[in-house]
Amino acid sequence: MATEVEEVRATSYVGFDTITQQIEHKLLKRGFQFNVIVVGQTGLGKSTLINTIFASHLIDSKGRLEADEPIRQTTEIQAASHVISENGVRLRLNIVDTPGYGDNLNNENCWDPIVKYIKDQHSAYLRKELTAVRDRYIQDTRIHCCLFFINPTGHSLRPIDIIVMKKLSEVVNVVPVIAKADSLTMDERDIFKQRIRAELVYHNIVLYPFDTDENDDEELRLNERIRNMIPFAVVGSERNVLIDGKTVRGRKNRWGVINIEDERHCEFVYLRNFLTRTHLQDLIETTAQIHYEAFRSKQLLALKENAKEAAPRPSTNQ
């Protein structure tokens, strides 16, 4: 049982309260790393949404350039790295684009390459961690967030969606989004979201964010609000449109003009704030403390068992 340590107040100013400033100074010089993987069917605007979230053109869209042109597809897992600066903070952003899953007639085990890629990043980090002479700062390619794109059918999740989401949730922080949500009416959107949440519960799919003993009451309430909002119904756009004389990011559809940053139109602002303003650090920590730690523990136990089996057995000869 841990012994309680009495808290005392210094009788005069010492100065160790500046440690937070010292940490901030070091971290700002080093910069931050955030790795995102995007998963979903072809043609759901994955690249556009990433560009919209980070207000930068980071990935070329695979959408049609002409109306009669076939949709261009990502055919293999591709990683692109960028450094984004904002008010003196440098974020090294690694975006991993994946081929549209479920596009083929035979989709058996179509999730395997994605799961393997995520585990490979854990494995690469573990190898560097276990070397005799380690780098001072190990380059971190572990995936911190998986944006899972759902087709806005308005009905329910496809069986393949359920399988893939369950497989991914075991190895990465999954954040589901309803793509191109402006193709649904507000009533259709709300019903669709309720159905998806019910399906997640029915299939015992536990998604990020997770509550821990370290969360205070405010963080617990925020996490609960997020869980009640998931999946985020979003619209992405890199184009500017004019609404009431103001230039905003948005796009036109059959009902008029969508302002993607208007909370009455879609939930893009909630998603962006969740990923960048409230849970960015937690996504990184959860990856290290939960997903990577589970992988690391399993691998080290396997190494131990293999070493036992390989060890020479004592001779039974008298």
C-alpha atoms as a PDB file:
ATOM      1  CA  MET A   1       0.000   0.000   0.000  1.00  0.00           C
ATOM      2  CA  ALA A   2       1.427   3.371  -1.030  1.00  0.00           C
ATOM      3  CA  THR A   3       2.281   5.782   1.776  1.00  0.00           C
ATOM      4  CA  GLU A   4       0.595   9.163   1.532  1.00  0.00           C
ATOM      5  CA  VAL A   5       3.025  12.034   1.131  1.00  0.00           C
ATOM      6  CA  GLU A   6       2.165  15.242   2.916  1.00  0.00           C
ATOM      7  CA  GLU A   7       1.934  18.316   0.708  1.00  0.00           C
ATOM      8  CA  VAL A   8       3.727  21.383   2.044  1.00  0.00           C
ATOM      9  CA  ARG A   9       4.004  24.943   0.777  1.00  0.00           C
ATOM     10  CA  ALA A  10       7.356  26.638   0.293  1.00  0.00           C
ATOM     11  CA  THR A  11       7.810  29.578   2.669  1.00  0.00           C
ATOM     12  CA  SER A  12       9.321  31.712  -0.115  1.00  0.00           C
ATOM     13  CA  TYR A  13       9.444  31.616  -3.900  1.00  0.00           C
ATOM     14  CA  VAL A  14      11.690  28.805  -5.211  1.00  0.00           C
ATOM     15  CA  GLY A  15      10.917  28.877  -8.921  1.00  0.00           C
ATOM     16  CA  PHE A  16      10.176  25.251  -9.831  1.00  0.00           C
ATOM     17  CA  ASP A  17       6.737  26.345 -11.038  1.00  0.00           C
ATOM     18  CA  THR A  18       8.531  27.458 -14.221  1.00  0.00           C
ATOM     19  CA  ILE A  19       9.106  23.805 -15.148  1.00  0.00           C
ATOM     20  CA  THR A  20       6.001  23.943 -17.368  1.00  0.00           C
ATOM     21  CA  GLN A  21       7.575  26.816 -19.318  1.00  0.00           C
ATOM     22  CA  GLN A  22      10.850  24.867 -19.563  1.00  0.00           C
ATOM     23  CA  ILE A  23       8.989  21.818 -20.911  1.00  0.00           C
ATOM     24  CA  GLU A  24       7.062  23.990 -23.360  1.00  0.00           C
ATOM     25  CA  HIS A  25      10.280  25.617 -24.598  1.00  0.00           C
ATOM     26  CA  LYS A  26      11.924  22.221 -25.253  1.00  0.00           C
ATOM     27  CA  LEU A  27       8.820  20.802 -26.929  1.00  0.00           C
ATOM     28  CA  LEU A  28       8.399  23.836 -29.169  1.00  0.00           C
ATOM     29  CA  LYS A  29      11.992  23.470 -30.378  1.00  0.00           C
ATOM     30  CA  ARG A  30      11.482  19.765 -31.044  1.00  0.00           C
ATOM     31  CA  GLY A  31       8.023  20.039 -32.606  1.00  0.00           C
ATOM     32  CA  PHE A  32       5.202  17.525 -32.446  1.00  0.00           C
ATOM     33  CA  GLN A  33       4.345  14.399 -34.443  1.00  0.00           C
ATOM     34  CA  PHE A  34       0.812  13.299 -35.366  1.00  0.00           C
ATOM     35  CA  ASN A  35       0.052  10.316 -37.593  1.00  0.00           C
ATOM     36  CA  VAL A  36      -3.370   9.789 -39.190  1.00  0.00           C
ATOM     37  CA  ILE A  37      -4.629   6.950 -41.367  1.00  0.00           C
ATOM     38  CA  VAL A  38      -7.771   7.362 -43.494  1.00  0.00           C
ATOM     39  CA  VAL A  39      -9.951   4.325 -44.238  1.00  0.00           C
ATOM     40  CA  GLY A  40     -13.110   3.983 -46.294  1.00  0.00           C
ATOM     41  CA  GLN A  41     -14.680   3.275 -49.649  1.00  0.00           C
ATOM     42  CA  THR A  42     -13.390   4.976 -52.778  1.00  0.00           C
ATOM     43  CA  GLY A  43     -15.036   8.308 -53.587  1.00  0.00           C
ATOM     44  CA  LEU A  44     -16.000   9.447 -50.076  1.00  0.00           C
ATOM     45  CA  GLY A  45     -13.760  12.538 -50.063  1.00  0.00           C
ATOM     46  CA  LYS A  46     -11.079  11.270 -47.680  1.00  0.00           C
ATOM     47  CA  SER A  47      -8.330  13.479 -49.109  1.00  0.00           C
ATOM     48  CA  THR A  48     -10.557  16.564 -49.213  1.00  0.00           C
ATOM     49  CA  LEU A  49     -11.574  16.200 -45.566  1.00  0.00           C
ATOM     50  CA  ILE A  50      -7.956  15.869 -44.383  1.00  0.00           C
ATOM     51  CA  ASN A  51      -7.046  19.019 -46.318  1.00  0.00           C
ATOM     52  CA  THR A  52     -10.061  20.796 -44.830  1.00  0.00           C
ATOM     53  CA  ILE A  53      -9.278  19.809 -41.224  1.00  0.00           C
ATOM     54  CA  PHE A  54      -5.701  21.098 -41.380  1.00  0.00           C
ATOM     55  CA  ALA A  55      -6.529  24.095 -43.629  1.00  0.00           C
ATOM     56  CA  SER A  56      -3.716  23.081 -45.974  1.00  0.00           C
ATOM     57  CA  HIS A  57      -3.474  21.246 -49.274  1.00  0.00           C
ATOM     58  CA  LEU A  58      -1.752  18.084 -48.081  1.00  0.00           C
ATOM     59  CA  ILE A  59      -3.140  15.329 -50.326  1.00  0.00           C
ATOM     60  CA  ASP A  60      -4.297  15.525 -53.925  1.00  0.00           C
ATOM     61  CA  SER A  61      -7.960  14.602 -54.245  1.00  0.00           C
ATOM     62  CA  LYS A  62      -8.784  11.449 -56.203  1.00  0.00           C
ATOM     63  CA  GLY A  63     -12.174  12.886 -57.221  1.00  0.00           C
ATOM     64  CA  ARG A  64     -13.281  13.330 -60.804  1.00  0.00           C
ATOM     65  CA  LEU A  65     -11.854  16.275 -62.718  1.00  0.00           C
ATOM     66  CA  GLU A  66     -14.642  15.923 -65.318  1.00  0.00           C
ATOM     67  CA  ALA A  67     -18.212  14.656 -64.863  1.00  0.00           C
ATOM     68  CA  ASP A  68     -17.727  11.718 -67.252  1.00  0.00           C
ATOM     69  CA  GLU A  69     -14.326  10.731 -65.846  1.00  0.00           C
ATOM     70  CA  PRO A  70     -14.090   7.568 -63.715  1.00  0.00           C
ATOM     71  CA  ILE A  71     -13.130   8.043 -60.047  1.00  0.00           C
ATOM     72  CA  ARG A  72      -9.371   7.753 -59.557  1.00  0.00           C
ATOM     73  CA  GLN A  73      -8.421   5.254 -56.866  1.00  0.00           C
ATOM     74  CA  THR A  74      -5.646   4.826 -54.339  1.00  0.00           C
ATOM     75  CA  THR A  75      -4.261   1.397 -55.213  1.00  0.00           C
ATOM     76  CA  GLU A  76      -1.767   0.956 -52.373  1.00  0.00           C
ATOM     77  CA  ILE A  77      -1.082   2.297 -48.892  1.00  0.00           C
ATOM     78  CA  GLN A  78       0.703   5.637 -49.257  1.00  0.00           C
ATOM     79  CA  ALA A  79       2.206   7.876 -46.563  1.00  0.00           C
ATOM     80  CA  ALA A  80       2.797  11.606 -47.033  1.00  0.00           C
ATOM     81  CA  SER A  81       4.608  13.818 -44.493  1.00  0.00           C
ATOM     82  CA  HIS A  82       4.253  17.570 -44.037  1.00  0.00           C
ATOM     83  CA  VAL A  83       5.300  20.117 -41.435  1.00  0.00           C
ATOM     84  CA  ILE A  84       2.582  22.650 -40.587  1.00  0.00           C
ATOM     85  CA  SER A  85       3.384  25.758 -38.536  1.00  0.00           C
ATOM     86  CA  GLU A  86       0.898  27.732 -36.453  1.00  0.00           C
ATOM     87  CA  ASN A  87       1.831  30.493 -33.977  1.00  0.00           C
ATOM     88  CA  GLY A  88       5.331  29.106 -33.458  1.00  0.00           C
ATOM     89  CA  VAL A  89       4.177  25.490 -33.050  1.00  0.00           C
ATOM     90  CA  ARG A  90       5.460  23.001 -35.639  1.00  0.00           C
ATOM     91  CA  LEU A  91       3.367  19.899 -36.267  1.00  0.00           C
ATOM     92  CA  ARG A  92       4.906  17.106 -38.327  1.00  0.00           C
ATOM     93  CA  LEU A  93       1.838  15.509 -39.852  1.00  0.00           C
ATOM     94  CA  ASN A  94       2.056  12.036 -41.370  1.00  0.00           C
ATOM     95  CA  ILE A  95      -1.040  11.128 -43.408  1.00  0.00           C
ATOM     96  CA  VAL A  96      -1.518   7.542 -44.538  1.00  0.00           C
ATOM     97  CA  ASP A  97      -3.964   7.022 -47.395  1.00  0.00           C
ATOM     98  CA  THR A  98      -5.355   3.525 -47.950  1.00  0.00           C
ATOM     99  CA  PRO A  99      -7.017   1.837 -50.934  1.00  0.00           C
ATOM    100  CA  GLY A 100     -10.816   1.908 -50.805  1.00  0.00           C
ATOM    101  CA  TYR A 101     -11.811  -1.299 -49.021  1.00  0.00           C
ATOM    102  CA  GLY A 102     -14.955  -3.218 -49.906  1.00  0.00           C
ATOM    103  CA  ASP A 103     -14.790  -2.068 -53.536  1.00  0.00           C
ATOM    104  CA  ASN A 104     -14.220  -5.555 -54.946  1.00  0.00           C
ATOM    105  CA  LEU A 105     -16.555  -8.483 -55.495  1.00  0.00           C
ATOM    106  CA  ASN A 106     -14.507 -10.569 -53.083  1.00  0.00           C
ATOM    107  CA  ASN A 107     -13.714  -8.492 -49.979  1.00  0.00           C
ATOM    108  CA  GLU A 108     -12.507 -11.337 -47.796  1.00  0.00           C
ATOM    109  CA  ASN A 109      -9.779 -10.137 -45.427  1.00  0.00           C
ATOM    110  CA  CYS A 110      -9.601  -6.765 -47.234  1.00  0.00           C
ATOM    111  CA  TRP A 111      -8.727  -5.192 -43.887  1.00  0.00           C
ATOM    112  CA  ASP A 112      -5.547  -7.253 -43.425  1.00  0.00           C
ATOM    113  CA  PRO A 113      -3.146  -4.852 -45.253  1.00  0.00           C
ATOM    114  CA  ILE A 114      -4.393  -1.910 -43.145  1.00  0.00           C
ATOM    115  CA  VAL A 115      -4.096  -3.780 -39.830  1.00  0.00           C
ATOM    116  CA  LYS A 116      -0.673  -5.092 -40.889  1.00  0.00           C
ATOM    117  CA  TYR A 117       0.531  -1.570 -41.723  1.00  0.00           C
ATOM    118  CA  ILE A 118      -0.529  -0.295 -38.272  1.00  0.00           C
ATOM    119  CA  LYS A 119       1.173  -3.228 -36.524  1.00  0.00           C
ATOM    120  CA  ASP A 120       4.286  -2.774 -38.656  1.00  0.00           C
ATOM    121  CA  GLN A 121       4.665   0.770 -37.276  1.00  0.00           C
ATOM    122  CA  HIS A 122       4.458  -0.620 -33.727  1.00  0.00           C
ATOM    123  CA  SER A 123       7.014  -3.259 -34.629  1.00  0.00           C
ATOM    124  CA  ALA A 124       9.422  -0.694 -36.113  1.00  0.00           C
ATOM    125  CA  TYR A 125       9.167   1.437 -32.961  1.00  0.00           C
ATOM    126  CA  LEU A 126       9.728  -1.595 -30.713  1.00  0.00           C
ATOM    127  CA  ARG A 127      12.844  -2.637 -32.647  1.00  0.00           C
ATOM    128  CA  LYS A 128      14.326   0.849 -32.229  1.00  0.00           C
ATOM    129  CA  GLU A 129      13.382   0.828 -28.547  1.00  0.00           C
ATOM    130  CA  LEU A 130      15.152  -2.483 -27.931  1.00  0.00           C
ATOM    131  CA  THR A 131      18.434  -1.650 -29.690  1.00  0.00           C
ATOM    132  CA  ALA A 132      21.524  -1.403 -27.468  1.00  0.00           C
ATOM    133  CA  VAL A 133      22.279   2.143 -28.642  1.00  0.00           C
ATOM    134  CA  ARG A 134      18.991   3.967 -29.041  1.00  0.00           C
ATOM    135  CA  ASP A 135      18.342   7.228 -30.813  1.00  0.00           C
ATOM    136  CA  ARG A 136      17.741  10.072 -28.394  1.00  0.00           C
ATOM    137  CA  TYR A 137      14.349  10.654 -29.997  1.00  0.00           C
ATOM    138  CA  ILE A 138      12.878   7.661 -31.794  1.00  0.00           C
ATOM    139  CA  GLN A 139      11.045   8.643 -34.959  1.00  0.00           C
ATOM    140  CA  ASP A 140       7.416   7.852 -34.224  1.00  0.00           C
ATOM    141  CA  THR A 141       5.353   6.479 -37.122  1.00  0.00           C
ATOM    142  CA  ARG A 142       2.804   4.765 -34.879  1.00  0.00           C
ATOM    143  CA  ILE A 143      -0.721   5.624 -36.037  1.00  0.00           C
ATOM    144  CA  HIS A 144      -2.427   7.917 -33.545  1.00  0.00           C
ATOM    145  CA  CYS A 145      -5.815   8.197 -35.226  1.00  0.00           C
ATOM    146  CA  CYS A 146      -7.825   6.312 -37.828  1.00  0.00           C
ATOM    147  CA  LEU A 147     -10.501   8.359 -39.567  1.00  0.00           C
ATOM    148  CA  PHE A 148     -13.075   5.791 -40.647  1.00  0.00           C
ATOM    149  CA  PHE A 149     -15.311   7.048 -43.472  1.00  0.00           C
ATOM    150  CA  ILE A 150     -18.922   5.827 -43.645  1.00  0.00           C
ATOM    151  CA  ASN A 151     -20.973   6.014 -46.819  1.00  0.00           C
ATOM    152  CA  PRO A 152     -23.996   8.358 -46.273  1.00  0.00           C
ATOM    153  CA  THR A 153     -26.597   5.756 -47.289  1.00  0.00           C
ATOM    154  CA  GLY A 154     -29.005   6.719 -44.508  1.00  0.00           C
ATOM    155  CA  HIS A 155     -29.717   3.030 -43.839  1.00  0.00           C
ATOM    156  CA  SER A 156     -27.155   1.183 -41.717  1.00  0.00           C
ATOM    157  CA  LEU A 157     -23.564   0.029 -41.702  1.00  0.00           C
ATOM    158  CA  ARG A 158     -22.569  -2.629 -44.225  1.00  0.00           C
ATOM    159  CA  PRO A 159     -21.471  -5.964 -42.709  1.00  0.00           C
ATOM    160  CA  ILE A 160     -17.974  -5.277 -44.073  1.00  0.00           C
ATOM    161  CA  ASP A 161     -17.927  -1.889 -42.260  1.00  0.00           C
ATOM    162  CA  ILE A 162     -18.704  -3.598 -38.961  1.00  0.00           C
ATOM    163  CA  ILE A 163     -15.961  -6.200 -39.421  1.00  0.00           C
ATOM    164  CA  VAL A 164     -13.327  -3.663 -40.481  1.00  0.00           C
ATOM    165  CA  MET A 165     -14.199  -1.207 -37.690  1.00  0.00           C
ATOM    166  CA  LYS A 166     -14.011  -3.974 -35.089  1.00  0.00           C
ATOM    167  CA  LYS A 167     -10.633  -5.196 -36.385  1.00  0.00           C
ATOM    168  CA  LEU A 168      -9.214  -1.667 -36.469  1.00  0.00           C
ATOM    169  CA  SER A 169     -10.527  -0.688 -33.026  1.00  0.00           C
ATOM    170  CA  GLU A 170      -8.333  -3.417 -31.537  1.00  0.00           C
ATOM    171  CA  VAL A 171      -5.116  -1.766 -32.765  1.00  0.00           C
ATOM    172  CA  VAL A 172      -5.788   1.973 -33.241  1.00  0.00           C
ATOM    173  CA  ASN A 173      -7.952   4.902 -32.093  1.00  0.00           C
ATOM    174  CA  VAL A 174     -10.891   4.813 -34.527  1.00  0.00           C
ATOM    175  CA  VAL A 175     -12.909   7.990 -35.171  1.00  0.00           C
ATOM    176  CA  PRO A 176     -15.898   7.317 -37.469  1.00  0.00           C
ATOM    177  CA  VAL A 177     -17.247  10.036 -39.766  1.00  0.00           C
ATOM    178  CA  ILE A 178     -20.246  10.109 -42.092  1.00  0.00           C
ATOM    179  CA  ALA A 179     -18.739  11.467 -45.292  1.00  0.00           C
ATOM    180  CA  LYS A 180     -20.548  13.924 -47.596  1.00  0.00           C
ATOM    181  CA  ALA A 181     -23.265  14.303 -44.978  1.00  0.00           C
ATOM    182  CA  ASP A 182     -24.965  17.065 -46.982  1.00  0.00           C
ATOM    183  CA  SER A 183     -26.477  14.315 -49.159  1.00  0.00           C
ATOM    184  CA  LEU A 184     -28.805  13.586 -46.205  1.00  0.00           C
ATOM    185  CA  THR A 185     -31.533  15.767 -44.709  1.00  0.00           C
ATOM    186  CA  MET A 186     -31.050  16.705 -41.061  1.00  0.00           C
ATOM    187  CA  ASP A 187     -33.716  14.172 -39.983  1.00  0.00           C
ATOM    188  CA  GLU A 188     -32.138  11.428 -42.109  1.00  0.00           C
ATOM    189  CA  ARG A 189     -28.740  12.275 -40.670  1.00  0.00           C
ATOM    190  CA  ASP A 190     -29.925  12.062 -37.050  1.00  0.00           C
ATOM    191  CA  ILE A 191     -31.680   8.723 -37.610  1.00  0.00           C
ATOM    192  CA  PHE A 192     -28.619   7.347 -39.418  1.00  0.00           C
ATOM    193  CA  LYS A 193     -26.327   8.385 -36.545  1.00  0.00           C
ATOM    194  CA  GLN A 194     -28.628   6.744 -33.984  1.00  0.00           C
ATOM    195  CA  ARG A 195     -28.671   3.502 -35.998  1.00  0.00           C
ATOM    196  CA  ILE A 196     -24.887   3.439 -36.250  1.00  0.00           C
ATOM    197  CA  ARG A 197     -24.442   4.034 -32.507  1.00  0.00           C
ATOM    198  CA  ALA A 198     -26.909   1.204 -31.809  1.00  0.00           C
ATOM    199  CA  GLU A 199     -24.980  -1.115 -34.160  1.00  0.00           C
ATOM    200  CA  LEU A 200     -21.686  -0.264 -32.444  1.00  0.00           C
ATOM    201  CA  VAL A 201     -23.188  -1.200 -29.075  1.00  0.00           C
ATOM    202  CA  TYR A 202     -24.782  -4.391 -30.465  1.00  0.00           C
ATOM    203  CA  HIS A 203     -21.494  -5.580 -31.968  1.00  0.00           C
ATOM    204  CA  ASN A 204     -19.498  -4.531 -28.893  1.00  0.00           C
ATOM    205  CA  ILE A 205     -17.263  -2.142 -30.833  1.00  0.00           C
ATOM    206  CA  VAL A 206     -15.567   0.212 -28.362  1.00  0.00           C
ATOM    207  CA  LEU A 207     -14.244   3.355 -30.030  1.00  0.00           C
ATOM    208  CA  TYR A 208     -12.100   6.277 -28.911  1.00  0.00           C
ATOM    209  CA  PRO A 209     -12.266   8.319 -26.624  1.00  0.00           C
ATOM    210  CA  PHE A 210     -11.619   6.097 -23.607  1.00  0.00           C
ATOM    211  CA  ASP A 211     -12.095   7.187 -20.001  1.00  0.00           C
ATOM    212  CA  THR A 212      -9.233   6.660 -17.537  1.00  0.00           C
ATOM    213  CA  ASP A 213      -8.600   7.311 -13.849  1.00  0.00           C
ATOM    214  CA  GLU A 214      -6.607  10.390 -14.856  1.00  0.00           C
ATOM    215  CA  ASN A 215      -9.633  12.121 -16.419  1.00  0.00           C
ATOM    216  CA  ASP A 216     -11.185  14.899 -14.349  1.00  0.00           C
ATOM    217  CA  ASP A 217     -14.936  15.609 -14.315  1.00  0.00           C
ATOM    218  CA  GLU A 218     -14.715  18.107 -17.173  1.00  0.00           C
ATOM    219  CA  GLU A 219     -12.801  15.633 -19.371  1.00  0.00           C
ATOM    220  CA  LEU A 220     -15.290  12.871 -18.577  1.00  0.00           C
ATOM    221  CA  ARG A 221     -18.205  15.116 -19.553  1.00  0.00           C
ATOM    222  CA  LEU A 222     -16.442  16.102 -22.788  1.00  0.00           C
ATOM    223  CA  ASN A 223     -15.778  12.459 -23.668  1.00  0.00           C
ATOM    224  CA  GLU A 224     -19.428  11.625 -23.041  1.00  0.00           C
ATOM    225  CA  ARG A 225     -20.541  14.454 -25.351  1.00  0.00           C
ATOM    226  CA  ILE A 226     -18.201  13.143 -28.037  1.00  0.00           C
ATOM    227  CA  ARG A 227     -19.524   9.593 -27.700  1.00  0.00           C
ATOM    228  CA  ASN A 228     -23.085  10.900 -28.016  1.00  0.00           C
ATOM    229  CA  MET A 229     -22.118  12.744 -31.217  1.00  0.00           C
ATOM    230  CA  ILE A 230     -20.143   9.964 -32.947  1.00  0.00           C
ATOM    231  CA  PRO A 231     -20.146   9.374 -35.871  1.00  0.00           C
ATOM    232  CA  PHE A 232     -19.432  12.967 -36.906  1.00  0.00           C
ATOM    233  CA  ALA A 233     -21.575  13.986 -39.894  1.00  0.00           C
ATOM    234  CA  VAL A 234     -19.171  16.092 -41.941  1.00  0.00           C
ATOM    235  CA  VAL A 235     -18.673  17.912 -45.211  1.00  0.00           C
ATOM    236  CA  GLY A 236     -15.222  18.763 -46.546  1.00  0.00           C
ATOM    237  CA  SER A 237     -14.355  21.560 -48.953  1.00  0.00           C
ATOM    238  CA  GLU A 238     -11.245  23.466 -49.965  1.00  0.00           C
ATOM    239  CA  ARG A 239     -13.289  25.977 -51.944  1.00  0.00           C
ATOM    240  CA  ASN A 240     -14.516  29.374 -50.844  1.00  0.00           C
ATOM    241  CA  VAL A 241     -18.148  30.346 -51.378  1.00  0.00           C
ATOM    242  CA  LEU A 242     -19.999  33.597 -50.733  1.00  0.00           C
ATOM    243  CA  ILE A 243     -22.716  33.536 -48.046  1.00  0.00           C
ATOM    244  CA  ASP A 244     -24.414  36.813 -47.011  1.00  0.00           C
ATOM    245  CA  GLY A 245     -21.486  38.755 -48.416  1.00  0.00           C
ATOM    246  CA  LYS A 246     -18.913  36.730 -46.462  1.00  0.00           C
ATOM    247  CA  THR A 247     -16.364  34.356 -47.967  1.00  0.00           C
ATOM    248  CA  VAL A 248     -16.461  30.975 -46.190  1.00  0.00           C
ATOM    249  CA  ARG A 249     -15.301  27.448 -46.922  1.00  0.00           C
ATOM    250  CA  GLY A 250     -18.195  25.489 -48.316  1.00  0.00           C
ATOM    251  CA  ARG A 251     -19.905  23.988 -51.308  1.00  0.00           C
ATOM    252  CA  LYS A 252     -23.186  24.106 -53.171  1.00  0.00           C
ATOM    253  CA  ASN A 253     -25.658  21.253 -53.184  1.00  0.00           C
ATOM    254  CA  ARG A 254     -29.286  20.724 -54.239  1.00  0.00           C
ATOM    255  CA  TRP A 255     -30.577  22.532 -51.125  1.00  0.00           C
ATOM    256  CA  GLY A 256     -28.344  25.588 -51.408  1.00  0.00           C
ATOM    257  CA  VAL A 257     -24.906  26.470 -50.053  1.00  0.00           C
ATOM    258  CA  ILE A 258     -23.234  24.539 -47.230  1.00  0.00           C
ATOM    259  CA  ASN A 259     -20.955  26.493 -44.879  1.00  0.00           C
ATOM    260  CA  ILE A 260     -18.819  23.697 -43.471  1.00  0.00           C
ATOM    261  CA  GLU A 261     -17.927  25.750 -40.388  1.00  0.00           C
ATOM    262  CA  ASP A 262     -21.565  26.442 -39.524  1.00  0.00           C
ATOM    263  CA  GLU A 263     -22.627  23.999 -36.803  1.00  0.00           C
ATOM    264  CA  ARG A 264     -26.201  24.130 -38.126  1.00  0.00           C
ATOM    265  CA  HIS A 265     -25.030  22.723 -41.473  1.00  0.00           C
ATOM    266  CA  CYS A 266     -22.666  19.901 -40.443  1.00  0.00           C
ATOM    267  CA  GLU A 267     -20.426  18.703 -37.619  1.00  0.00           C
ATOM    268  CA  PHE A 268     -17.085  19.508 -39.215  1.00  0.00           C
ATOM    269  CA  VAL A 269     -16.194  22.084 -36.525  1.00  0.00           C
ATOM    270  CA  TYR A 270     -16.830  19.510 -33.768  1.00  0.00           C
ATOM    271  CA  LEU A 271     -14.589  16.973 -35.527  1.00  0.00           C
ATOM    272  CA  ARG A 272     -11.795  19.490 -36.123  1.00  0.00           C
ATOM    273  CA  ASN A 273     -11.886  20.755 -32.537  1.00  0.00           C
ATOM    274  CA  PHE A 274     -11.938  17.184 -31.225  1.00  0.00           C
ATOM    275  CA  LEU A 275      -8.903  16.139 -33.282  1.00  0.00           C
ATOM    276  CA  THR A 276      -6.804  19.278 -32.867  1.00  0.00           C
ATOM    277  CA  ARG A 277      -7.976  21.433 -29.956  1.00  0.00           C
ATOM    278  CA  THR A 278      -9.104  19.041 -27.211  1.00  0.00           C
ATOM    279  CA  HIS A 279      -7.837  15.483 -27.873  1.00  0.00           C
ATOM    280  CA  LEU A 280      -4.679  15.747 -29.990  1.00  0.00           C
ATOM    281  CA  GLN A 281      -2.311  14.974 -27.106  1.00  0.00           C
ATOM    282  CA  ASP A 282      -4.635  12.328 -25.700  1.00  0.00           C
ATOM    283  CA  LEU A 283      -4.752  10.526 -29.071  1.00  0.00           C
ATOM    284  CA  ILE A 284      -0.938  10.400 -29.027  1.00  0.00           C
ATOM    285  CA  GLU A 285      -0.772   9.228 -25.397  1.00  0.00           C
ATOM    286  CA  THR A 286      -3.533   6.630 -25.828  1.00  0.00           C
ATOM    287  CA  THR A 287      -1.650   5.146 -28.780  1.00  0.00           C
ATOM    288  CA  ALA A 288       1.493   4.757 -26.661  1.00  0.00           C
ATOM    289  CA  GLN A 289      -0.157   3.680 -23.409  1.00  0.00           C
ATOM    290  CA  ILE A 290      -2.898   1.364 -24.692  1.00  0.00           C
ATOM    291  CA  HIS A 291      -2.447   0.162 -28.292  1.00  0.00           C
ATOM    292  CA  TYR A 292       1.353   0.120 -28.465  1.00  0.00           C
ATOM    293  CA  GLU A 293       1.690  -1.186 -24.917  1.00  0.00           C
ATOM    294  CA  ALA A 294      -0.638  -4.129 -25.708  1.00  0.00           C
ATOM    295  CA  PHE A 295       1.425  -4.906 -28.840  1.00  0.00           C
ATOM    296  CA  ARG A 296       4.740  -4.526 -26.970  1.00  0.00           C
ATOM    297  CA  SER A 297       3.633  -6.765 -24.115  1.00  0.00           C
ATOM    298  CA  LYS A 298       2.459  -9.483 -26.501  1.00  0.00           C
ATOM    299  CA  GLN A 299       5.699  -9.385 -28.512  1.00  0.00           C
ATOM    300  CA  LEU A 300       7.982  -9.479 -25.462  1.00  0.00           C
ATOM    301  CA  LEU A 301       6.041 -12.383 -23.933  1.00  0.00           C
ATOM    302  CA  ALA A 302       6.365 -14.249 -27.249  1.00  0.00           C
ATOM    303  CA  LEU A 303      10.134 -13.581 -27.277  1.00  0.00           C
ATOM    304  CA  LYS A 304      10.378 -14.911 -23.725  1.00  0.00           C
ATOM    305  CA  GLU A 305       8.483 -18.088 -24.616  1.00  0.00           C
ATOM    306  CA  ASN A 306      10.606 -18.619 -27.728  1.00  0.00           C
ATOM    307  CA  ALA A 307      13.777 -18.197 -25.654  1.00  0.00           C
ATOM    308  CA  LYS A 308      12.527 -20.804 -23.172  1.00  0.00           C
ATOM    309  CA  GLU A 309      11.842 -23.302 -25.944  1.00  0.00           C
ATOM    310  CA  ALA A 310      15.228 -22.661 -27.554  1.00  0.00           C
ATOM    311  CA  ALA A 311      17.154 -23.058 -24.280  1.00  0.00           C
ATOM    312  CA  PRO A 312      19.044 -26.387 -23.967  1.00  0.00           C
ATOM    313  CA  ARG A 313      17.301 -28.871 -21.699  1.00  0.00           C
ATOM    314  CA  PRO A 314      19.306 -30.274 -18.754  1.00  0.00           C
ATOM    315  CA  SER A 315      20.743 -33.730 -19.403  1.00  0.00           C
ATOM    316  CA  THR A 316      18.955 -36.650 -17.731  1.00  0.00           C
ATOM    317  CA  ASN A 317      22.000 -38.950 -18.004  1.00  0.00           C
ATOM    318  CA  GLN A 318      23.348 -40.108 -14.658  1.00  0.00           C
END
